[in-house]
Amino acid sequence: MRELTCIVCPMGCRIKVYEDNGQIRVEDQGCRRGELYARDEMTAPKRVVTSVVAVQGCSELLPVKTAAPVPKEAIFRVMEEIRQVTVEKPVRIGDVIRENLAGTGIALIATKHIQ
């Protein structure tokens, strides 16, 4: 048995996951999203990556995040690519900063307006 803390919402449910002969059984999840999180965490864990990128001609950094969770094994490649990014003003929340980040098929998006 493995016990996980669900990170899908602020409730932080403690979920019990049992694995037997490739079969996964989930208990104590507060909702369907918690069950899906637990199954993913056991088979193919993913995380949303947040960071900041440089803005040309500006001392302020632009906060960014991946548009969807990326596989945990790709996080270091994703961060390496993010380190290379510089954007031009203006930038609006939700603007796609980079498509197909590190070959994951997931976009990097802005999370703040910078004029």
C-alpha atoms as a PDB file:
ATOM      1  CA  MET A   1       0.000   0.000   0.000  1.00  0.00           C
ATOM      2  CA  ARG A   2       1.195   3.489  -0.845  1.00  0.00           C
ATOM      3  CA  GLU A   3      -0.288   6.622   0.673  1.00  0.00           C
ATOM      4  CA  LEU A   4      -0.383   9.803  -1.416  1.00  0.00           C
ATOM      5  CA  THR A   5      -1.468  13.348  -0.700  1.00  0.00           C
ATOM      6  CA  CYS A   6      -3.602  14.542  -3.588  1.00  0.00           C
ATOM      7  CA  ILE A   7      -2.340  17.789  -5.166  1.00  0.00           C
ATOM      8  CA  VAL A   8      -5.254  18.376  -7.553  1.00  0.00           C
ATOM      9  CA  CYS A   9      -7.112  20.805  -5.259  1.00  0.00           C
ATOM     10  CA  PRO A  10      -6.535  22.506  -1.887  1.00  0.00           C
ATOM     11  CA  MET A  11      -8.276  19.710   0.071  1.00  0.00           C
ATOM     12  CA  GLY A  12      -5.099  17.588   0.105  1.00  0.00           C
ATOM     13  CA  CYS A  13      -6.902  14.264   0.560  1.00  0.00           C
ATOM     14  CA  ARG A  14      -4.813  11.356   1.834  1.00  0.00           C
ATOM     15  CA  ILE A  15      -5.315   8.613  -0.727  1.00  0.00           C
ATOM     16  CA  LYS A  16      -4.447   4.947  -0.304  1.00  0.00           C
ATOM     17  CA  VAL A  17      -3.291   3.119  -3.412  1.00  0.00           C
ATOM     18  CA  TYR A  18      -2.962  -0.642  -3.617  1.00  0.00           C
ATOM     19  CA  GLU A  19      -1.215  -2.381  -6.489  1.00  0.00           C
ATOM     20  CA  ASP A  20      -1.549  -6.110  -7.029  1.00  0.00           C
ATOM     21  CA  ASN A  21      -0.485  -7.903 -10.225  1.00  0.00           C
ATOM     22  CA  GLY A  22      -0.672  -4.678 -12.234  1.00  0.00           C
ATOM     23  CA  GLN A  23      -4.139  -3.837 -10.919  1.00  0.00           C
ATOM     24  CA  ILE A  24      -4.475  -0.505  -9.106  1.00  0.00           C
ATOM     25  CA  ARG A  25      -7.124   0.060  -6.449  1.00  0.00           C
ATOM     26  CA  VAL A  26      -7.652   3.547  -4.999  1.00  0.00           C
ATOM     27  CA  GLU A  27      -9.319   4.299  -1.645  1.00  0.00           C
ATOM     28  CA  ASP A  28     -10.164   7.401   0.389  1.00  0.00           C
ATOM     29  CA  GLN A  29     -10.080   9.805  -2.559  1.00  0.00           C
ATOM     30  CA  GLY A  30     -12.391  12.758  -2.074  1.00  0.00           C
ATOM     31  CA  CYS A  31     -13.467  12.922  -5.714  1.00  0.00           C
ATOM     32  CA  ARG A  32     -13.002  11.437  -9.178  1.00  0.00           C
ATOM     33  CA  ARG A  33     -10.105  13.829  -9.897  1.00  0.00           C
ATOM     34  CA  GLY A  34      -8.276  12.427  -6.864  1.00  0.00           C
ATOM     35  CA  GLU A  35      -8.685   8.902  -8.161  1.00  0.00           C
ATOM     36  CA  LEU A  36      -7.323   9.911 -11.583  1.00  0.00           C
ATOM     37  CA  TYR A  37      -4.409  11.716  -9.913  1.00  0.00           C
ATOM     38  CA  ALA A  38      -3.533   8.612  -7.858  1.00  0.00           C
ATOM     39  CA  ARG A  39      -3.655   6.311 -10.876  1.00  0.00           C
ATOM     40  CA  ASP A  40      -1.476   8.700 -12.899  1.00  0.00           C
ATOM     41  CA  GLU A  41       0.950   9.105 -10.012  1.00  0.00           C
ATOM     42  CA  MET A  42       1.435   5.352  -9.838  1.00  0.00           C
ATOM     43  CA  THR A  43       1.846   4.801 -13.570  1.00  0.00           C
ATOM     44  CA  ALA A  44       3.063   8.053 -15.216  1.00  0.00           C
ATOM     45  CA  PRO A  45       3.561  10.949 -12.778  1.00  0.00           C
ATOM     46  CA  LYS A  46       3.277  14.480 -14.185  1.00  0.00           C
ATOM     47  CA  ARG A  47       3.690  18.019 -12.866  1.00  0.00           C
ATOM     48  CA  VAL A  48       2.878  21.545 -13.983  1.00  0.00           C
ATOM     49  CA  VAL A  49       6.181  23.422 -14.201  1.00  0.00           C
ATOM     50  CA  THR A  50       6.328  27.069 -13.131  1.00  0.00           C
ATOM     51  CA  SER A  51       9.248  29.417 -13.663  1.00  0.00           C
ATOM     52  CA  VAL A  52      10.204  32.908 -14.879  1.00  0.00           C
ATOM     53  CA  VAL A  53      11.764  34.141 -18.129  1.00  0.00           C
ATOM     54  CA  ALA A  54      13.645  37.289 -19.065  1.00  0.00           C
ATOM     55  CA  VAL A  55      11.909  40.204 -20.792  1.00  0.00           C
ATOM     56  CA  GLN A  56      13.957  42.240 -23.289  1.00  0.00           C
ATOM     57  CA  GLY A  57      14.621  45.790 -22.111  1.00  0.00           C
ATOM     58  CA  CYS A  58      13.018  45.157 -18.730  1.00  0.00           C
ATOM     59  CA  SER A  59      14.391  44.259 -15.308  1.00  0.00           C
ATOM     60  CA  GLU A  60      11.108  42.531 -14.439  1.00  0.00           C
ATOM     61  CA  LEU A  61      10.865  38.784 -15.019  1.00  0.00           C
ATOM     62  CA  LEU A  62       7.802  37.188 -16.607  1.00  0.00           C
ATOM     63  CA  PRO A  63       6.201  34.337 -14.647  1.00  0.00           C
ATOM     64  CA  VAL A  64       5.317  31.364 -16.850  1.00  0.00           C
ATOM     65  CA  LYS A  65       3.907  27.856 -16.516  1.00  0.00           C
ATOM     66  CA  THR A  66       3.324  24.827 -18.656  1.00  0.00           C
ATOM     67  CA  ALA A  67      -0.171  24.731 -20.154  1.00  0.00           C
ATOM     68  CA  ALA A  68      -0.558  21.152 -18.882  1.00  0.00           C
ATOM     69  CA  PRO A  69       1.365  18.794 -16.605  1.00  0.00           C
ATOM     70  CA  VAL A  70       4.566  17.379 -18.122  1.00  0.00           C
ATOM     71  CA  PRO A  71       5.975  13.917 -17.413  1.00  0.00           C
ATOM     72  CA  LYS A  72       8.306  14.041 -14.414  1.00  0.00           C
ATOM     73  CA  GLU A  73      11.164  12.587 -16.454  1.00  0.00           C
ATOM     74  CA  ALA A  74      10.965  15.613 -18.808  1.00  0.00           C
ATOM     75  CA  ILE A  75      11.117  18.321 -16.127  1.00  0.00           C
ATOM     76  CA  PHE A  76      14.888  18.896 -16.346  1.00  0.00           C
ATOM     77  CA  ARG A  77      14.729  19.201 -20.172  1.00  0.00           C
ATOM     78  CA  VAL A  78      11.790  21.591 -19.841  1.00  0.00           C
ATOM     79  CA  MET A  79      13.643  23.754 -17.309  1.00  0.00           C
ATOM     80  CA  GLU A  80      16.764  23.830 -19.478  1.00  0.00           C
ATOM     81  CA  GLU A  81      14.720  25.117 -22.411  1.00  0.00           C
ATOM     82  CA  ILE A  82      12.904  27.677 -20.231  1.00  0.00           C
ATOM     83  CA  ARG A  83      16.290  29.066 -19.114  1.00  0.00           C
ATOM     84  CA  GLN A  84      17.033  29.962 -22.749  1.00  0.00           C
ATOM     85  CA  VAL A  85      13.793  31.918 -23.330  1.00  0.00           C
ATOM     86  CA  THR A  86      13.623  35.711 -23.595  1.00  0.00           C
ATOM     87  CA  VAL A  87      10.396  37.499 -24.582  1.00  0.00           C
ATOM     88  CA  GLU A  88       9.562  40.916 -25.995  1.00  0.00           C
ATOM     89  CA  LYS A  89       6.984  43.282 -24.498  1.00  0.00           C
ATOM     90  CA  PRO A  90       4.030  43.470 -24.458  1.00  0.00           C
ATOM     91  CA  VAL A  91       2.969  40.117 -23.041  1.00  0.00           C
ATOM     92  CA  ARG A  92      -0.521  39.209 -21.845  1.00  0.00           C
ATOM     93  CA  ILE A  93      -1.687  36.491 -19.502  1.00  0.00           C
ATOM     94  CA  GLY A  94      -2.257  33.313 -21.485  1.00  0.00           C
ATOM     95  CA  ASP A  95       0.085  34.239 -24.350  1.00  0.00           C
ATOM     96  CA  VAL A  96       1.930  31.194 -25.654  1.00  0.00           C
ATOM     97  CA  ILE A  97       5.620  31.835 -25.069  1.00  0.00           C
ATOM     98  CA  ARG A  98       6.897  28.582 -26.603  1.00  0.00           C
ATOM     99  CA  GLU A  99       5.050  25.755 -28.393  1.00  0.00           C
ATOM    100  CA  ASN A 100       6.009  22.114 -27.864  1.00  0.00           C
ATOM    101  CA  LEU A 101       8.307  22.786 -24.929  1.00  0.00           C
ATOM    102  CA  ALA A 102      11.249  20.352 -24.918  1.00  0.00           C
ATOM    103  CA  GLY A 103       9.418  18.071 -27.350  1.00  0.00           C
ATOM    104  CA  THR A 104       6.600  17.368 -24.866  1.00  0.00           C
ATOM    105  CA  GLY A 105       3.834  18.777 -27.059  1.00  0.00           C
ATOM    106  CA  ILE A 106       2.970  21.142 -24.202  1.00  0.00           C
ATOM    107  CA  ALA A 107       3.114  24.925 -24.503  1.00  0.00           C
ATOM    108  CA  LEU A 108       4.722  27.419 -22.132  1.00  0.00           C
ATOM    109  CA  ILE A 109       2.310  30.243 -21.287  1.00  0.00           C
ATOM    110  CA  ALA A 110       2.567  33.657 -19.605  1.00  0.00           C
ATOM    111  CA  THR A 111       0.863  34.095 -16.241  1.00  0.00           C
ATOM    112  CA  LYS A 112       1.152  37.916 -15.992  1.00  0.00           C
ATOM    113  CA  HIS A 113       0.674  41.030 -18.127  1.00  0.00           C
ATOM    114  CA  ILE A 114       3.822  43.034 -18.880  1.00  0.00           C
ATOM    115  CA  GLN A 115       3.428  46.219 -20.937  1.00  0.00           C
END
